Amino acid sequence: MEVDAAKLIGAGLATIPLAGAGVGLGLIFGNFLTGAFRNPSAAAANQPTMLLGFALTEFTGLLGFTISILILLNVF
């Protein structure tokens, strides 16, 4: 296998966390809205936890994207 082909395959595999981040964000916000509609008085107390989950999930996707770009730019 050529080195360029291996780099492209590795960069493609490194973007898999982007799909997981999309699914995770949908689950986080969907569950938060479900809980907020069931108990509106508790929504404000749960918002910081939701934002922390959002940040960590988004970081996972951005980390995968960054690794993919670094592979394509011959840093590794």
C-alpha atoms as a PDB file:
ATOM      1  CA  MET A   1       0.000   0.000   0.000  1.00  0.00           C
ATOM      2  CA  GLU A   2       1.320   3.402  -0.857  1.00  0.00           C
ATOM      3  CA  VAL A   3       1.974   5.922   1.872  1.00  0.00           C
ATOM      4  CA  ASP A   4      -0.414   8.492   0.368  1.00  0.00           C
ATOM      5  CA  ALA A   5      -3.259   5.992   0.283  1.00  0.00           C
ATOM      6  CA  ALA A   6      -2.591   5.027   3.899  1.00  0.00           C
ATOM      7  CA  LYS A   7      -2.691   8.708   4.912  1.00  0.00           C
ATOM      8  CA  LEU A   8      -6.055   9.196   3.227  1.00  0.00           C
ATOM      9  CA  ILE A   9      -7.479   6.094   4.881  1.00  0.00           C
ATOM     10  CA  GLY A  10      -6.149   7.225   8.264  1.00  0.00           C
ATOM     11  CA  ALA A  11      -7.581  10.715   7.814  1.00  0.00           C
ATOM     12  CA  GLY A  12     -10.943   9.217   6.922  1.00  0.00           C
ATOM     13  CA  LEU A  13     -10.906   6.989   9.970  1.00  0.00           C
ATOM     14  CA  ALA A  14      -9.970   9.960  12.151  1.00  0.00           C
ATOM     15  CA  THR A  15     -13.202  11.718  11.155  1.00  0.00           C
ATOM     16  CA  ILE A  16     -15.427   8.996  12.662  1.00  0.00           C
ATOM     17  CA  PRO A  17     -15.776  10.976  15.942  1.00  0.00           C
ATOM     18  CA  LEU A  18     -17.577  13.691  13.967  1.00  0.00           C
ATOM     19  CA  ALA A  19     -20.542  11.357  13.503  1.00  0.00           C
ATOM     20  CA  GLY A  20     -20.461  10.457  17.176  1.00  0.00           C
ATOM     21  CA  ALA A  21     -20.433  14.137  18.108  1.00  0.00           C
ATOM     22  CA  GLY A  22     -23.521  14.757  15.993  1.00  0.00           C
ATOM     23  CA  VAL A  23     -25.397  11.893  17.592  1.00  0.00           C
ATOM     24  CA  GLY A  24     -24.228  12.939  21.059  1.00  0.00           C
ATOM     25  CA  LEU A  25     -25.347  16.526  20.599  1.00  0.00           C
ATOM     26  CA  GLY A  26     -28.747  15.403  19.432  1.00  0.00           C
ATOM     27  CA  LEU A  27     -29.126  13.167  22.474  1.00  0.00           C
ATOM     28  CA  ILE A  28     -27.982  15.869  24.886  1.00  0.00           C
ATOM     29  CA  PHE A  29     -30.315  18.572  23.629  1.00  0.00           C
ATOM     30  CA  GLY A  30     -33.217  16.208  23.015  1.00  0.00           C
ATOM     31  CA  ASN A  31     -33.057  14.832  26.535  1.00  0.00           C
ATOM     32  CA  PHE A  32     -32.645  18.294  28.014  1.00  0.00           C
ATOM     33  CA  LEU A  33     -35.720  19.559  26.198  1.00  0.00           C
ATOM     34  CA  THR A  34     -37.703  16.503  27.267  1.00  0.00           C
ATOM     35  CA  GLY A  35     -36.749  17.105  30.884  1.00  0.00           C
ATOM     36  CA  ALA A  36     -37.395  20.846  30.616  1.00  0.00           C
ATOM     37  CA  PHE A  37     -40.890  20.283  29.243  1.00  0.00           C
ATOM     38  CA  ARG A  38     -41.697  17.787  31.991  1.00  0.00           C
ATOM     39  CA  ASN A  39     -40.350  19.938  34.819  1.00  0.00           C
ATOM     40  CA  PRO A  40     -39.790  23.575  33.740  1.00  0.00           C
ATOM     41  CA  SER A  41     -38.732  24.699  37.212  1.00  0.00           C
ATOM     42  CA  ALA A  42     -35.700  22.362  37.168  1.00  0.00           C
ATOM     43  CA  ALA A  43     -34.528  23.389  33.684  1.00  0.00           C
ATOM     44  CA  ALA A  44     -32.449  26.315  34.925  1.00  0.00           C
ATOM     45  CA  ALA A  45     -30.626  24.120  37.419  1.00  0.00           C
ATOM     46  CA  ASN A  46     -29.763  21.535  34.748  1.00  0.00           C
ATOM     47  CA  GLN A  47     -28.576  24.002  32.113  1.00  0.00           C
ATOM     48  CA  PRO A  48     -24.902  24.183  33.289  1.00  0.00           C
ATOM     49  CA  THR A  49     -24.674  20.391  33.176  1.00  0.00           C
ATOM     50  CA  MET A  50     -26.134  20.408  29.666  1.00  0.00           C
ATOM     51  CA  LEU A  51     -23.620  23.010  28.518  1.00  0.00           C
ATOM     52  CA  LEU A  52     -20.738  21.004  29.987  1.00  0.00           C
ATOM     53  CA  GLY A  53     -21.947  17.921  28.113  1.00  0.00           C
ATOM     54  CA  PHE A  54     -22.221  20.010  24.952  1.00  0.00           C
ATOM     55  CA  ALA A  55     -18.656  21.284  25.332  1.00  0.00           C
ATOM     56  CA  LEU A  56     -17.166  17.847  25.952  1.00  0.00           C
ATOM     57  CA  THR A  57     -19.079  16.277  23.075  1.00  0.00           C
ATOM     58  CA  GLU A  58     -18.083  19.059  20.703  1.00  0.00           C
ATOM     59  CA  PHE A  59     -14.453  18.729  21.810  1.00  0.00           C
ATOM     60  CA  THR A  60     -14.478  15.066  20.812  1.00  0.00           C
ATOM     61  CA  GLY A  61     -15.625  15.947  17.305  1.00  0.00           C
ATOM     62  CA  LEU A  62     -13.155  18.801  16.960  1.00  0.00           C
ATOM     63  CA  LEU A  63     -10.314  16.601  18.175  1.00  0.00           C
ATOM     64  CA  GLY A  64     -11.078  14.014  15.500  1.00  0.00           C
ATOM     65  CA  PHE A  65     -11.255  16.728  12.839  1.00  0.00           C
ATOM     66  CA  THR A  66      -7.952  18.231  13.999  1.00  0.00           C
ATOM     67  CA  ILE A  67      -6.182  14.874  13.924  1.00  0.00           C
ATOM     68  CA  SER A  68      -7.534  14.286  10.419  1.00  0.00           C
ATOM     69  CA  ILE A  69      -6.194  17.636   9.188  1.00  0.00           C
ATOM     70  CA  LEU A  70      -2.827  16.997  10.839  1.00  0.00           C
ATOM     71  CA  ILE A  71      -2.572  13.644   9.067  1.00  0.00           C
ATOM     72  CA  LEU A  72      -3.382  15.240   5.714  1.00  0.00           C
ATOM     73  CA  LEU A  73      -0.837  18.015   6.235  1.00  0.00           C
ATOM     74  CA  ASN A  74       1.973  15.502   6.890  1.00  0.00           C
ATOM     75  CA  VAL A  75       2.528  16.517  10.503  1.00  0.00           C
ATOM     76  CA  PHE A  76       2.587  12.878  11.655  1.00  0.00           C
END
